[in-house]
Amino acid sequence: MPEQETVGTPAGDARISWHSAQRPRLVLALSHGAGGGIEARDLQALATALPAHGITVALVEQPWRVAGKRLAPAPKTLDTGWRALWPALERPGQPVIAGGRSAGARVACRTARELGAYAVLALSFPLHPPGKPEKSRAAELLESGVPTLVVQGGNDPFGKPAEYPGGAYELLEVPYGDHGFAVPKRAPLSQDEALTLLTEGVLTWLDALERADRG
């Protein structure tokens, strides 16, 4: 069972569920989206798979979710909560990767540089509202200021991989996946295979970041 920690912020209490590695080398902090919590399949898959590889996963519940509210507040309030809880994520000698899914990915991108994040993991980054590609949020992604990996479902209505602009980030596609990385039963890969592709891709990226630092 993960260890839970409550952290006070100006936006209310946040909660961290720690999935700890026995010999930690990195902390991966992941927040949820605007329509769900840390039970999301991608967050849970990473929290299950990565600790065995020396990566502690901290699943962060934003204050609005801890308070039982159904709707997320404005982006500015989300950023306020994330900034305030950031010190609780820091461990001596363990770089912190800021991340999240959907709205949580946007928060991570917007605040990474100022908080000194080692990198950003953007799961299902909502490049635009469904059906409204003209309302692009690409600037948030492109201005993260740190190494960034976007993991995107091939059928995500918030932005398919082919819609992403060029820039200083990496992109990993989960074929056939929707915004929650669910794949249709008729797809040529199973749900478990899709999540394995996601977790192994993230691990490969993290390992490459560390090798680049040592090199």
N, C-alpha and C. Protein backbone atom coordinates (compact mmCIF):
# COMPACT_ATOMS: atom_id res chain seq x y z
N MET A 1 0.84 -1.20 0.00
CA MET A 1 0.00 0.00 0.00
C MET A 1 0.88 1.26 0.00
N PRO A 2 0.49 2.26 -0.80
CA PRO A 2 1.29 3.49 -0.80
C PRO A 2 1.13 4.25 0.51
N GLU A 3 2.16 4.98 0.86
CA GLU A 3 2.11 5.86 2.02
C GLU A 3 1.50 7.19 1.60
N GLN A 4 0.56 7.68 2.38
CA GLN A 4 -0.12 8.92 2.04
C GLN A 4 0.35 10.07 2.91
N GLU A 5 0.48 11.22 2.29
CA GLU A 5 0.93 12.42 2.97
C GLU A 5 0.01 13.59 2.59
N THR A 6 -0.47 14.32 3.56
CA THR A 6 -1.30 15.50 3.31
C THR A 6 -0.43 16.74 3.39
N VAL A 7 -0.56 17.61 2.40
CA VAL A 7 0.26 18.82 2.32
C VAL A 7 -0.68 20.02 2.20
N GLY A 8 -0.55 20.97 3.11
CA GLY A 8 -1.36 22.17 3.04
C GLY A 8 -0.87 23.12 1.96
N THR A 9 -1.80 23.73 1.24
CA THR A 9 -1.47 24.72 0.22
C THR A 9 -2.47 25.87 0.33
N PRO A 10 -2.19 27.02 -0.28
CA PRO A 10 -3.15 28.12 -0.27
C PRO A 10 -4.48 27.76 -0.93
N ALA A 11 -4.49 26.73 -1.75
CA ALA A 11 -5.71 26.30 -2.42
C ALA A 11 -6.44 25.20 -1.65
N GLY A 12 -5.92 24.83 -0.48
CA GLY A 12 -6.49 23.73 0.30
C GLY A 12 -5.49 22.60 0.43
N ASP A 13 -5.89 21.56 1.15
CA ASP A 13 -4.99 20.42 1.35
C ASP A 13 -4.86 19.58 0.09
N ALA A 14 -3.62 19.26 -0.26
CA ALA A 14 -3.33 18.30 -1.32
C ALA A 14 -2.92 16.98 -0.66
N ARG A 15 -2.92 15.91 -1.44
CA ARG A 15 -2.55 14.61 -0.90
C ARG A 15 -1.60 13.90 -1.86
N ILE A 16 -0.52 13.37 -1.29
CA ILE A 16 0.46 12.63 -2.08
C ILE A 16 0.41 11.16 -1.67
N SER A 17 0.29 10.29 -2.66
CA SER A 17 0.40 8.84 -2.44
C SER A 17 1.77 8.40 -2.94
N TRP A 18 2.62 7.98 -2.01
CA TRP A 18 4.00 7.63 -2.32
C TRP A 18 4.11 6.14 -2.66
N HIS A 19 4.55 5.86 -3.87
CA HIS A 19 4.88 4.50 -4.31
C HIS A 19 6.41 4.45 -4.37
N SER A 20 7.02 4.03 -3.27
CA SER A 20 8.46 4.23 -3.08
C SER A 20 9.30 3.09 -3.64
N ALA A 21 10.42 3.48 -4.22
CA ALA A 21 11.43 2.51 -4.65
C ALA A 21 12.33 2.17 -3.48
N GLN A 22 12.85 0.95 -3.44
CA GLN A 22 13.75 0.55 -2.36
C GLN A 22 15.08 1.29 -2.45
N ARG A 23 15.58 1.47 -3.66
CA ARG A 23 16.82 2.21 -3.89
C ARG A 23 16.52 3.35 -4.86
N PRO A 24 15.90 4.41 -4.38
CA PRO A 24 15.41 5.46 -5.28
C PRO A 24 16.53 6.29 -5.90
N ARG A 25 16.36 6.59 -7.16
CA ARG A 25 17.30 7.47 -7.87
C ARG A 25 16.60 8.69 -8.44
N LEU A 26 15.30 8.60 -8.64
CA LEU A 26 14.49 9.69 -9.18
C LEU A 26 13.14 9.70 -8.48
N VAL A 27 12.49 10.87 -8.48
CA VAL A 27 11.09 10.98 -8.06
C VAL A 27 10.29 11.45 -9.27
N LEU A 28 9.24 10.72 -9.59
CA LEU A 28 8.32 11.10 -10.66
C LEU A 28 7.00 11.51 -10.01
N ALA A 29 6.71 12.80 -10.06
CA ALA A 29 5.49 13.34 -9.44
C ALA A 29 4.43 13.53 -10.51
N LEU A 30 3.29 12.89 -10.32
CA LEU A 30 2.24 12.89 -11.34
C LEU A 30 0.91 13.34 -10.75
N SER A 31 0.31 14.32 -11.39
CA SER A 31 -1.02 14.77 -10.98
C SER A 31 -2.06 14.33 -12.01
N HIS A 32 -3.29 14.37 -11.60
CA HIS A 32 -4.41 13.88 -12.42
C HIS A 32 -4.95 14.99 -13.33
N GLY A 33 -5.97 14.64 -14.09
CA GLY A 33 -6.61 15.60 -14.97
C GLY A 33 -7.79 16.29 -14.31
N ALA A 34 -8.52 17.06 -15.12
CA ALA A 34 -9.64 17.84 -14.60
C ALA A 34 -10.91 17.00 -14.44
N GLY A 35 -10.93 15.80 -15.03
CA GLY A 35 -12.14 15.00 -14.97
C GLY A 35 -12.00 13.71 -14.20
N GLY A 36 -10.90 13.54 -13.47
CA GLY A 36 -10.70 12.29 -12.75
C GLY A 36 -9.59 12.43 -11.74
N GLY A 37 -9.23 11.31 -11.11
CA GLY A 37 -8.23 11.33 -10.06
C GLY A 37 -7.05 10.43 -10.36
N ILE A 38 -6.34 10.07 -9.31
CA ILE A 38 -5.12 9.27 -9.48
C ILE A 38 -5.42 7.81 -9.79
N GLU A 39 -6.70 7.46 -9.86
CA GLU A 39 -7.04 6.10 -10.26
C GLU A 39 -6.91 5.88 -11.76
N ALA A 40 -6.58 6.90 -12.53
CA ALA A 40 -6.43 6.78 -13.98
C ALA A 40 -5.46 5.66 -14.33
N ARG A 41 -5.77 4.92 -15.38
CA ARG A 41 -5.01 3.71 -15.72
C ARG A 41 -3.54 3.99 -15.99
N ASP A 42 -3.22 5.12 -16.63
CA ASP A 42 -1.82 5.41 -16.92
C ASP A 42 -1.04 5.74 -15.66
N LEU A 43 -1.65 6.51 -14.75
CA LEU A 43 -0.98 6.84 -13.50
C LEU A 43 -0.74 5.60 -12.66
N GLN A 44 -1.74 4.75 -12.58
CA GLN A 44 -1.60 3.53 -11.79
C GLN A 44 -0.58 2.57 -12.40
N ALA A 45 -0.55 2.51 -13.73
CA ALA A 45 0.42 1.63 -14.39
C ALA A 45 1.85 2.08 -14.09
N LEU A 46 2.10 3.36 -14.14
CA LEU A 46 3.44 3.88 -13.85
C LEU A 46 3.79 3.67 -12.38
N ALA A 47 2.84 3.89 -11.49
CA ALA A 47 3.10 3.70 -10.06
C ALA A 47 3.38 2.25 -9.72
N THR A 48 2.83 1.34 -10.50
CA THR A 48 3.06 -0.09 -10.27
C THR A 48 4.40 -0.55 -10.85
N ALA A 49 4.75 -0.03 -12.04
CA ALA A 49 5.90 -0.56 -12.76
C ALA A 49 7.23 0.08 -12.40
N LEU A 50 7.25 1.38 -12.13
CA LEU A 50 8.53 2.08 -12.05
C LEU A 50 9.31 1.92 -10.75
N PRO A 51 8.68 1.75 -9.58
CA PRO A 51 9.48 1.62 -8.36
C PRO A 51 10.51 0.50 -8.40
N ALA A 52 10.23 -0.58 -9.11
CA ALA A 52 11.18 -1.68 -9.21
C ALA A 52 12.45 -1.27 -9.95
N HIS A 53 12.41 -0.13 -10.64
CA HIS A 53 13.55 0.36 -11.40
C HIS A 53 14.19 1.57 -10.74
N GLY A 54 13.94 1.77 -9.46
CA GLY A 54 14.58 2.85 -8.73
C GLY A 54 13.90 4.19 -8.85
N ILE A 55 12.67 4.20 -9.31
CA ILE A 55 11.94 5.46 -9.50
C ILE A 55 10.75 5.49 -8.54
N THR A 56 10.80 6.40 -7.60
CA THR A 56 9.67 6.60 -6.70
C THR A 56 8.60 7.42 -7.42
N VAL A 57 7.37 6.93 -7.40
CA VAL A 57 6.26 7.62 -8.05
C VAL A 57 5.38 8.25 -6.98
N ALA A 58 5.20 9.55 -7.08
CA ALA A 58 4.34 10.29 -6.16
C ALA A 58 3.09 10.71 -6.92
N LEU A 59 1.95 10.09 -6.59
CA LEU A 59 0.69 10.46 -7.23
C LEU A 59 0.04 11.57 -6.41
N VAL A 60 -0.16 12.70 -7.05
CA VAL A 60 -0.59 13.92 -6.36
C VAL A 60 -2.06 14.20 -6.64
N GLU A 61 -2.84 14.32 -5.57
CA GLU A 61 -4.24 14.73 -5.69
C GLU A 61 -4.34 16.21 -5.36
N GLN A 62 -4.77 16.98 -6.34
CA GLN A 62 -4.90 18.42 -6.16
C GLN A 62 -5.98 18.74 -5.11
N PRO A 63 -5.88 19.92 -4.46
CA PRO A 63 -6.81 20.25 -3.37
C PRO A 63 -8.28 20.14 -3.74
N TRP A 64 -8.64 20.51 -4.95
CA TRP A 64 -10.07 20.44 -5.30
C TRP A 64 -10.57 19.01 -5.28
N ARG A 65 -9.70 18.09 -5.65
CA ARG A 65 -10.09 16.68 -5.66
C ARG A 65 -10.16 16.13 -4.24
N VAL A 66 -9.20 16.51 -3.40
CA VAL A 66 -9.20 16.08 -1.99
C VAL A 66 -10.46 16.59 -1.29
N ALA A 67 -10.90 17.79 -1.66
CA ALA A 67 -12.09 18.38 -1.03
C ALA A 67 -13.39 17.79 -1.55
N GLY A 68 -13.31 16.89 -2.53
CA GLY A 68 -14.50 16.23 -3.03
C GLY A 68 -15.28 17.02 -4.06
N LYS A 69 -14.65 18.05 -4.64
CA LYS A 69 -15.34 18.84 -5.65
C LYS A 69 -15.30 18.12 -6.99
N ARG A 70 -16.30 18.38 -7.81
CA ARG A 70 -16.42 17.66 -9.08
C ARG A 70 -15.76 18.38 -10.24
N LEU A 71 -15.57 19.68 -10.09
CA LEU A 71 -15.00 20.47 -11.17
C LEU A 71 -13.68 21.10 -10.74
N ALA A 72 -12.70 21.05 -11.62
CA ALA A 72 -11.41 21.65 -11.32
C ALA A 72 -11.51 23.17 -11.37
N PRO A 73 -10.71 23.86 -10.56
CA PRO A 73 -10.69 25.32 -10.59
C PRO A 73 -9.90 25.84 -11.79
N ALA A 74 -9.73 27.15 -11.84
CA ALA A 74 -8.99 27.79 -12.93
C ALA A 74 -7.53 27.35 -12.93
N PRO A 75 -6.86 27.39 -14.09
CA PRO A 75 -5.45 27.00 -14.16
C PRO A 75 -4.58 27.70 -13.14
N LYS A 76 -4.81 28.97 -12.89
CA LYS A 76 -3.99 29.70 -11.92
C LYS A 76 -4.06 29.05 -10.55
N THR A 77 -5.24 28.58 -10.14
CA THR A 77 -5.39 27.93 -8.84
C THR A 77 -4.71 26.57 -8.83
N LEU A 78 -4.78 25.84 -9.93
CA LEU A 78 -4.08 24.56 -10.03
C LEU A 78 -2.57 24.77 -9.88
N ASP A 79 -2.05 25.79 -10.54
CA ASP A 79 -0.62 26.09 -10.45
C ASP A 79 -0.23 26.46 -9.02
N THR A 80 -1.08 27.22 -8.34
CA THR A 80 -0.80 27.62 -6.96
C THR A 80 -0.65 26.40 -6.06
N GLY A 81 -1.57 25.46 -6.19
CA GLY A 81 -1.49 24.25 -5.38
C GLY A 81 -0.24 23.44 -5.67
N TRP A 82 0.10 23.32 -6.95
CA TRP A 82 1.28 22.54 -7.36
C TRP A 82 2.57 23.17 -6.85
N ARG A 83 2.67 24.48 -6.98
CA ARG A 83 3.86 25.17 -6.48
C ARG A 83 4.04 24.95 -4.98
N ALA A 84 2.94 25.04 -4.24
CA ALA A 84 3.02 24.96 -2.78
C ALA A 84 3.40 23.57 -2.30
N LEU A 85 2.99 22.53 -3.01
CA LEU A 85 3.30 21.17 -2.56
C LEU A 85 4.65 20.68 -3.08
N TRP A 86 5.24 21.40 -4.02
CA TRP A 86 6.49 20.96 -4.63
C TRP A 86 7.59 20.63 -3.61
N PRO A 87 7.82 21.46 -2.57
CA PRO A 87 8.88 21.13 -1.61
C PRO A 87 8.70 19.77 -0.96
N ALA A 88 7.46 19.31 -0.81
CA ALA A 88 7.22 18.00 -0.20
C ALA A 88 7.65 16.86 -1.11
N LEU A 89 7.86 17.15 -2.39
CA LEU A 89 8.25 16.12 -3.35
C LEU A 89 9.76 15.94 -3.44
N GLU A 90 10.50 16.88 -2.89
CA GLU A 90 11.95 16.88 -3.04
C GLU A 90 12.62 15.97 -2.01
N ARG A 91 13.57 15.19 -2.48
CA ARG A 91 14.35 14.28 -1.65
C ARG A 91 15.83 14.51 -1.95
N PRO A 92 16.71 14.47 -0.96
CA PRO A 92 18.14 14.71 -1.22
C PRO A 92 18.70 13.74 -2.26
N GLY A 93 19.36 14.30 -3.26
CA GLY A 93 20.02 13.47 -4.26
C GLY A 93 19.10 12.80 -5.25
N GLN A 94 17.81 13.16 -5.24
CA GLN A 94 16.85 12.54 -6.16
C GLN A 94 16.15 13.63 -6.98
N PRO A 95 16.56 13.80 -8.23
CA PRO A 95 15.89 14.79 -9.09
C PRO A 95 14.40 14.48 -9.19
N VAL A 96 13.59 15.53 -9.31
CA VAL A 96 12.14 15.38 -9.40
C VAL A 96 11.68 15.69 -10.83
N ILE A 97 10.98 14.73 -11.42
CA ILE A 97 10.35 14.93 -12.72
C ILE A 97 8.93 15.38 -12.46
N ALA A 98 8.53 16.51 -13.02
CA ALA A 98 7.16 17.00 -12.90
C ALA A 98 6.32 16.37 -13.99
N GLY A 99 5.14 15.91 -13.62
CA GLY A 99 4.31 15.29 -14.64
C GLY A 99 2.85 15.25 -14.26
N GLY A 100 2.08 14.72 -15.17
CA GLY A 100 0.66 14.58 -14.93
C GLY A 100 -0.03 14.22 -16.22
N ARG A 101 -1.32 13.97 -16.10
CA ARG A 101 -2.11 13.68 -17.28
C ARG A 101 -3.08 14.83 -17.54
N SER A 102 -3.27 15.17 -18.81
CA SER A 102 -4.22 16.17 -19.25
C SER A 102 -3.98 17.51 -18.56
N ALA A 103 -4.93 17.99 -17.76
CA ALA A 103 -4.73 19.27 -17.06
C ALA A 103 -3.50 19.24 -16.18
N GLY A 104 -3.21 18.07 -15.59
CA GLY A 104 -2.00 17.94 -14.77
C GLY A 104 -0.74 18.10 -15.58
N ALA A 105 -0.77 17.67 -16.84
CA ALA A 105 0.39 17.86 -17.72
C ALA A 105 0.59 19.33 -18.03
N ARG A 106 -0.50 20.06 -18.20
CA ARG A 106 -0.39 21.50 -18.45
C ARG A 106 0.24 22.21 -17.25
N VAL A 107 -0.19 21.84 -16.05
CA VAL A 107 0.39 22.44 -14.84
C VAL A 107 1.89 22.19 -14.79
N ALA A 108 2.28 20.95 -15.05
CA ALA A 108 3.70 20.59 -15.00
C ALA A 108 4.50 21.41 -16.00
N CYS A 109 3.98 21.59 -17.21
CA CYS A 109 4.69 22.36 -18.23
C CYS A 109 4.80 23.83 -17.83
N ARG A 110 3.73 24.38 -17.30
CA ARG A 110 3.71 25.82 -16.98
C ARG A 110 4.66 26.17 -15.85
N THR A 111 4.92 25.24 -14.94
CA THR A 111 5.68 25.56 -13.73
C THR A 111 7.05 24.91 -13.67
N ALA A 112 7.42 24.09 -14.64
CA ALA A 112 8.65 23.29 -14.55
C ALA A 112 9.89 24.12 -14.38
N ARG A 113 10.02 25.14 -15.18
CA ARG A 113 11.25 25.93 -15.16
C ARG A 113 11.43 26.62 -13.81
N GLU A 114 10.39 27.28 -13.32
CA GLU A 114 10.52 28.04 -12.07
C GLU A 114 10.73 27.14 -10.87
N LEU A 115 10.21 25.91 -10.90
CA LEU A 115 10.36 25.00 -9.76
C LEU A 115 11.65 24.20 -9.82
N GLY A 116 12.35 24.26 -10.93
CA GLY A 116 13.59 23.51 -11.05
C GLY A 116 13.38 22.03 -11.31
N ALA A 117 12.30 21.69 -12.00
CA ALA A 117 12.03 20.28 -12.33
C ALA A 117 13.14 19.73 -13.21
N TYR A 118 13.48 18.47 -13.01
CA TYR A 118 14.50 17.79 -13.80
C TYR A 118 14.03 17.58 -15.23
N ALA A 119 12.75 17.33 -15.38
CA ALA A 119 12.14 17.08 -16.68
C ALA A 119 10.63 17.13 -16.51
N VAL A 120 9.90 16.98 -17.61
CA VAL A 120 8.44 16.93 -17.58
C VAL A 120 7.96 15.70 -18.34
N LEU A 121 7.02 14.99 -17.71
CA LEU A 121 6.31 13.89 -18.37
C LEU A 121 4.86 14.33 -18.57
N ALA A 122 4.48 14.54 -19.82
CA ALA A 122 3.14 15.02 -20.16
C ALA A 122 2.33 13.88 -20.75
N LEU A 123 1.42 13.35 -19.97
CA LEU A 123 0.55 12.26 -20.40
C LEU A 123 -0.75 12.85 -20.94
N SER A 124 -1.10 12.48 -22.18
CA SER A 124 -2.35 12.98 -22.78
C SER A 124 -2.44 14.50 -22.70
N PHE A 125 -1.37 15.18 -23.10
CA PHE A 125 -1.39 16.64 -23.09
C PHE A 125 -2.55 17.12 -23.97
N PRO A 126 -3.44 17.95 -23.43
CA PRO A 126 -4.60 18.41 -24.21
C PRO A 126 -4.21 19.56 -25.15
N LEU A 127 -3.72 19.21 -26.31
CA LEU A 127 -3.20 20.21 -27.24
C LEU A 127 -4.25 21.24 -27.61
N HIS A 128 -5.50 20.80 -27.67
CA HIS A 128 -6.62 21.70 -27.96
C HIS A 128 -7.91 21.06 -27.47
N PRO A 129 -8.98 21.83 -27.27
CA PRO A 129 -10.26 21.20 -26.94
C PRO A 129 -10.73 20.34 -28.12
N PRO A 130 -11.47 19.27 -27.86
CA PRO A 130 -11.93 18.41 -28.95
C PRO A 130 -12.68 19.19 -30.03
N GLY A 131 -12.26 18.99 -31.27
CA GLY A 131 -12.92 19.65 -32.39
C GLY A 131 -12.55 21.10 -32.58
N LYS A 132 -11.60 21.62 -31.80
CA LYS A 132 -11.23 23.03 -31.89
C LYS A 132 -9.71 23.19 -31.99
N PRO A 133 -9.13 22.70 -33.08
CA PRO A 133 -7.67 22.76 -33.19
C PRO A 133 -7.12 24.18 -33.24
N GLU A 134 -7.98 25.14 -33.56
CA GLU A 134 -7.52 26.54 -33.60
C GLU A 134 -7.21 27.08 -32.21
N LYS A 135 -7.72 26.43 -31.17
CA LYS A 135 -7.47 26.87 -29.79
C LYS A 135 -6.31 26.07 -29.21
N SER A 136 -5.15 26.26 -29.78
CA SER A 136 -3.98 25.46 -29.44
C SER A 136 -3.36 25.88 -28.11
N ARG A 137 -2.89 24.89 -27.36
CA ARG A 137 -2.15 25.13 -26.13
C ARG A 137 -0.68 24.74 -26.29
N ALA A 138 -0.24 24.70 -27.53
CA ALA A 138 1.13 24.25 -27.82
C ALA A 138 2.16 25.09 -27.10
N ALA A 139 1.89 26.37 -26.90
CA ALA A 139 2.88 27.25 -26.27
C ALA A 139 3.26 26.75 -24.89
N GLU A 140 2.29 26.24 -24.13
CA GLU A 140 2.59 25.73 -22.79
C GLU A 140 3.60 24.59 -22.86
N LEU A 141 3.40 23.70 -23.81
CA LEU A 141 4.29 22.56 -23.98
C LEU A 141 5.68 23.02 -24.44
N LEU A 142 5.72 23.89 -25.43
CA LEU A 142 6.98 24.30 -26.03
C LEU A 142 7.82 25.16 -25.10
N GLU A 143 7.18 25.76 -24.09
CA GLU A 143 7.90 26.65 -23.19
C GLU A 143 8.20 26.02 -21.83
N SER A 144 8.15 24.69 -21.73
CA SER A 144 8.42 24.04 -20.45
C SER A 144 9.83 24.33 -19.95
N GLY A 145 10.76 24.46 -20.88
CA GLY A 145 12.12 24.83 -20.51
C GLY A 145 13.00 23.70 -20.01
N VAL A 146 12.48 22.48 -19.98
CA VAL A 146 13.25 21.32 -19.52
C VAL A 146 12.97 20.16 -20.47
N PRO A 147 13.78 19.09 -20.43
CA PRO A 147 13.48 17.93 -21.27
C PRO A 147 12.05 17.43 -21.02
N THR A 148 11.33 17.18 -22.09
CA THR A 148 9.91 16.85 -21.98
C THR A 148 9.56 15.67 -22.86
N LEU A 149 8.80 14.74 -22.30
CA LEU A 149 8.24 13.63 -23.06
C LEU A 149 6.73 13.74 -23.04
N VAL A 150 6.12 13.74 -24.23
CA VAL A 150 4.67 13.67 -24.36
C VAL A 150 4.31 12.24 -24.72
N VAL A 151 3.37 11.66 -23.97
CA VAL A 151 2.84 10.34 -24.31
C VAL A 151 1.38 10.55 -24.71
N GLN A 152 1.07 10.21 -25.96
CA GLN A 152 -0.24 10.57 -26.51
C GLN A 152 -0.89 9.37 -27.18
N GLY A 153 -2.19 9.21 -26.93
CA GLY A 153 -2.94 8.17 -27.61
C GLY A 153 -3.13 8.50 -29.08
N GLY A 154 -3.08 7.48 -29.92
CA GLY A 154 -3.22 7.69 -31.35
C GLY A 154 -4.57 8.24 -31.76
N ASN A 155 -5.59 8.04 -30.92
CA ASN A 155 -6.94 8.53 -31.23
C ASN A 155 -7.43 9.53 -30.19
N ASP A 156 -6.53 10.31 -29.63
CA ASP A 156 -6.91 11.27 -28.61
C ASP A 156 -7.61 12.47 -29.25
N PRO A 157 -8.88 12.74 -28.91
CA PRO A 157 -9.58 13.87 -29.52
C PRO A 157 -9.04 15.22 -29.07
N PHE A 158 -8.22 15.25 -28.01
CA PHE A 158 -7.60 16.49 -27.55
C PHE A 158 -6.29 16.79 -28.30
N GLY A 159 -5.97 15.97 -29.27
CA GLY A 159 -4.76 16.17 -30.06
C GLY A 159 -4.12 14.85 -30.42
N LYS A 160 -4.18 14.49 -31.68
CA LYS A 160 -3.52 13.27 -32.15
C LYS A 160 -2.03 13.55 -32.37
N PRO A 161 -1.20 12.53 -32.27
CA PRO A 161 0.25 12.75 -32.41
C PRO A 161 0.65 13.54 -33.65
N ALA A 162 -0.02 13.30 -34.78
CA ALA A 162 0.34 13.99 -36.02
C ALA A 162 0.06 15.49 -35.96
N GLU A 163 -0.77 15.93 -35.02
CA GLU A 163 -1.11 17.35 -34.91
C GLU A 163 -0.06 18.15 -34.16
N TYR A 164 0.87 17.48 -33.49
CA TYR A 164 1.81 18.19 -32.64
C TYR A 164 2.85 18.92 -33.47
N PRO A 165 3.16 20.17 -33.08
CA PRO A 165 4.18 20.93 -33.80
C PRO A 165 5.58 20.43 -33.47
N GLY A 166 6.54 20.74 -34.30
CA GLY A 166 7.91 20.41 -33.98
C GLY A 166 8.38 21.25 -32.80
N GLY A 167 9.36 20.71 -32.09
CA GLY A 167 9.87 21.44 -30.94
C GLY A 167 10.83 20.59 -30.14
N ALA A 168 11.35 21.17 -29.09
CA ALA A 168 12.36 20.51 -28.26
C ALA A 168 11.69 19.61 -27.23
N TYR A 169 11.02 18.59 -27.70
CA TYR A 169 10.42 17.59 -26.82
C TYR A 169 10.35 16.28 -27.59
N GLU A 170 10.14 15.21 -26.86
CA GLU A 170 9.97 13.90 -27.49
C GLU A 170 8.50 13.49 -27.41
N LEU A 171 8.07 12.66 -28.34
CA LEU A 171 6.68 12.22 -28.37
C LEU A 171 6.62 10.71 -28.54
N LEU A 172 5.87 10.07 -27.67
CA LEU A 172 5.65 8.63 -27.72
C LEU A 172 4.17 8.38 -27.98
N GLU A 173 3.86 7.67 -29.04
CA GLU A 173 2.46 7.37 -29.36
C GLU A 173 2.06 6.01 -28.79
N VAL A 174 0.89 5.97 -28.19
CA VAL A 174 0.26 4.72 -27.80
C VAL A 174 -0.81 4.44 -28.86
N PRO A 175 -0.56 3.55 -29.80
CA PRO A 175 -1.48 3.35 -30.92
C PRO A 175 -2.91 3.03 -30.45
N TYR A 176 -3.87 3.64 -31.14
CA TYR A 176 -5.29 3.40 -30.93
C TYR A 176 -5.83 3.95 -29.60
N GLY A 177 -4.96 4.49 -28.76
CA GLY A 177 -5.41 4.95 -27.45
C GLY A 177 -6.22 6.23 -27.53
N ASP A 178 -7.21 6.36 -26.63
CA ASP A 178 -7.97 7.60 -26.54
C ASP A 178 -7.33 8.51 -25.48
N HIS A 179 -8.06 9.49 -24.98
CA HIS A 179 -7.48 10.44 -24.03
C HIS A 179 -7.09 9.76 -22.72
N GLY A 180 -7.75 8.65 -22.40
CA GLY A 180 -7.39 7.90 -21.19
C GLY A 180 -6.55 6.67 -21.49
N PHE A 181 -6.03 6.57 -22.71
CA PHE A 181 -5.22 5.45 -23.18
C PHE A 181 -6.01 4.14 -23.23
N ALA A 182 -7.32 4.23 -23.29
CA ALA A 182 -8.13 3.04 -23.54
C ALA A 182 -8.03 2.70 -25.02
N VAL A 183 -7.88 1.41 -25.33
CA VAL A 183 -7.82 0.97 -26.72
C VAL A 183 -9.05 0.12 -27.03
N PRO A 184 -9.59 0.20 -28.23
CA PRO A 184 -10.77 -0.59 -28.59
C PRO A 184 -10.47 -2.09 -28.55
N LYS A 185 -11.49 -2.87 -28.28
CA LYS A 185 -11.30 -4.32 -28.24
C LYS A 185 -10.86 -4.88 -29.58
N ARG A 186 -11.20 -4.18 -30.65
CA ARG A 186 -10.82 -4.66 -31.99
C ARG A 186 -9.39 -4.27 -32.36
N ALA A 187 -8.73 -3.50 -31.54
CA ALA A 187 -7.37 -3.05 -31.85
C ALA A 187 -6.41 -4.24 -31.85
N PRO A 188 -5.32 -4.17 -32.64
CA PRO A 188 -4.38 -5.29 -32.70
C PRO A 188 -3.45 -5.39 -31.51
N LEU A 189 -3.61 -4.53 -30.51
CA LEU A 189 -2.89 -4.70 -29.26
C LEU A 189 -3.89 -4.61 -28.12
N SER A 190 -3.59 -5.33 -27.04
CA SER A 190 -4.50 -5.36 -25.89
C SER A 190 -4.31 -4.14 -25.01
N GLN A 191 -5.22 -3.97 -24.06
CA GLN A 191 -5.07 -2.87 -23.11
C GLN A 191 -3.79 -3.01 -22.31
N ASP A 192 -3.49 -4.23 -21.88
CA ASP A 192 -2.26 -4.45 -21.11
C ASP A 192 -1.03 -4.14 -21.95
N GLU A 193 -1.05 -4.52 -23.23
CA GLU A 193 0.09 -4.24 -24.10
C GLU A 193 0.26 -2.73 -24.31
N ALA A 194 -0.84 -2.02 -24.40
CA ALA A 194 -0.76 -0.57 -24.57
C ALA A 194 -0.13 0.08 -23.34
N LEU A 195 -0.51 -0.37 -22.16
CA LEU A 195 0.06 0.20 -20.94
C LEU A 195 1.51 -0.19 -20.75
N THR A 196 1.88 -1.39 -21.18
CA THR A 196 3.28 -1.80 -21.13
C THR A 196 4.12 -0.94 -22.05
N LEU A 197 3.59 -0.64 -23.24
CA LEU A 197 4.29 0.25 -24.17
C LEU A 197 4.53 1.61 -23.51
N LEU A 198 3.52 2.09 -22.80
CA LEU A 198 3.62 3.38 -22.11
C LEU A 198 4.68 3.35 -21.02
N THR A 199 4.58 2.37 -20.12
CA THR A 199 5.51 2.33 -18.99
C THR A 199 6.94 2.08 -19.44
N GLU A 200 7.13 1.18 -20.42
CA GLU A 200 8.48 0.90 -20.89
C GLU A 200 9.06 2.09 -21.65
N GLY A 201 8.21 2.82 -22.36
CA GLY A 201 8.67 4.01 -23.06
C GLY A 201 9.11 5.10 -22.11
N VAL A 202 8.36 5.28 -21.03
CA VAL A 202 8.72 6.27 -20.02
C VAL A 202 10.03 5.88 -19.35
N LEU A 203 10.17 4.61 -19.00
CA LEU A 203 11.39 4.15 -18.36
C LEU A 203 12.61 4.34 -19.27
N THR A 204 12.46 4.01 -20.53
CA THR A 204 13.56 4.19 -21.49
C THR A 204 13.97 5.65 -21.57
N TRP A 205 12.99 6.55 -21.59
CA TRP A 205 13.27 7.99 -21.64
C TRP A 205 14.00 8.45 -20.39
N LEU A 206 13.54 8.01 -19.23
CA LEU A 206 14.19 8.41 -17.98
C LEU A 206 15.62 7.90 -17.91
N ASP A 207 15.83 6.67 -18.32
CA ASP A 207 17.19 6.12 -18.34
C ASP A 207 18.10 6.93 -19.26
N ALA A 208 17.56 7.33 -20.42
CA ALA A 208 18.35 8.11 -21.37
C ALA A 208 18.70 9.48 -20.80
N LEU A 209 17.78 10.09 -20.06
CA LEU A 209 18.08 11.38 -19.43
C LEU A 209 19.24 11.27 -18.47
N GLU A 210 19.23 10.22 -17.66
CA GLU A 210 20.32 10.04 -16.69
C GLU A 210 21.65 9.76 -17.39
N ARG A 211 21.62 8.97 -18.44
CA ARG A 211 22.86 8.69 -19.18
C ARG A 211 23.41 9.97 -19.78
N ALA A 212 22.53 10.80 -20.30
CA ALA A 212 22.99 12.07 -20.90
C ALA A 212 23.62 12.96 -19.85
N ASP A 213 23.07 12.98 -18.64
CA ASP A 213 23.65 13.77 -17.56
C ASP A 213 25.03 13.26 -17.17
N ARG A 214 25.17 11.93 -17.11
CA ARG A 214 26.47 11.37 -16.73
C ARG A 214 27.49 11.55 -17.81
N GLY A 215 27.01 11.60 -19.07
CA GLY A 215 27.94 11.73 -20.19
C GLY A 215 28.49 13.11 -20.35
